[in-house]
Amino acid sequence: MRFEFSEKEQEIADECREFALARLAPLDAEVDAQAKIPATLRRELAGRGYTSRIIPTEYGGVGGTVTELCLQQEALAYGSITVASSVMATNLCLTPIVLFGSDDLKTRCLPALRDGEWVGAIGITEPDAGSDAAAMAMTARRDGDSWVLDGSKRLIDNTDVAQFFLTWARSDPSAARPHDGISAFVVERDRPGFLVDQVYQLLGLRGLGVGAYSLHGCRVPAGNLIGTEGQGWYYLMRMLEIGRAATAALCVGLAQVAFDEAKSYARERRSFGRPLGEHQAIQLKVAEMAARLDSARMFVYRAARLIDEGRRSDRESSMAKFWAADAAFFVTNEALQIFGGMGCTSELAAERHFRDARIFLIGEGTGEIQRLVVARRELADGAGRPDGAGPHERAAAP
């Protein structure tokens, strides 16, 4: 199966790839070493529309599709997976506002995110609620014309620099089902009661500023509620459909750069009197890497197309996420093996790619959770067929 891209889509991919090679790739090692993305680069990314790919044009955004977002993210990840992941977090936190937010919220928030004045973060994970997101304990209670939030979030991308935290909290603790009674809010960094607890030192994606924050009687205006009270779980599921497809695109971009670097090395490096790539052991690795990379890319754009068509894509997005994450880890591991001992040093990018890839087996939903989503759809009555056909109507409820 091959996906044909329109002329516009191909132009987006080419433009983003050109920028990634010119501006991101030369900075990737520095971002990793210093664990920091330059502020000037963030503004440049925003200026090129990368943080507003899916903001509607009426709010000054690019007005792009999920397919275009995935093409952008794959290309940016080829230059720097860390920078691309930071851009991804801002794009994702826009999604519930674009789909469900009030006109007032869109007017207040979207321009600042679009112009790079704000960096976005998404607050879902808690100390006792990771894969089981419905177990979140952060609370939100209505008090007059405000909401008061209490609780903690952790492992949140962009915590170090974000000014905008899209935060999920339990607004009805007495709801019958764990998934009910959850609402989504915009929390600005300068609100009294907001506290950054720490910024983690990660195995990979150094510079993404992953950290923890807590809210202590943090009061936000009633207008900072996204959509309807108690519908936050539904909004979260819609966001994650897009997020998992786009994260899978990041994994493809990372795998592709690791693969290209390994192939170049295999052509140039000589071993036992001939190029490394002429050894059958290396050729077998290259073939397996190519197959996993190509199949991951097909999963990504199948999911993205379904979302753009307004059809249900939880199965396809989850499949893309776990397959692409596995592919990225496999490809970066094999690339490091091809580089041999030098691949384990910071002299080459191979060890950095390997560290970065490991994060995606957990981040944006573990591979185990993604497989459970697919399995439950497959075992349910009327599940979609493996070719993507079948009943993919948009679900109206979680």
Foldseek 3Di string as FASTA:
>chain_A
DDDDDDPVLVVLLVVLLVCLVVPQQVCQLVCFVVLADDLVVLQVCLVVQLLQQCPCVVLVHVNHALSSNLSNLLSNLLNHLLVSVQSLQSNLLCQLCRVFADPVCCNPPVVCRSNSVFREKEFQAAPPPALNSLPDAWEWEDDPQKIWIWGKGFQMFPPVGGQWYWHKHQHDPPDPDSLWRIWIFIDGCPFPQKAFPDFDDALASRNRRGGMITGDRGIDGNSRTTHDGGQHSVSVLLSLLSSLLSVLSSLLSLLVSLLVVLVVQQQPDDDPHGRNCVDVVLVVLNVVLVVLSVVLVVLSSLSSVCVRVQFARLLSSLVSQLSSLVSQLSSLVSSLVSVPPCSCDSVDCSVNSNSHSVCSCPPSHHNVSSVVSNVVLVPDPFRADPVSDTHRHDDPGD
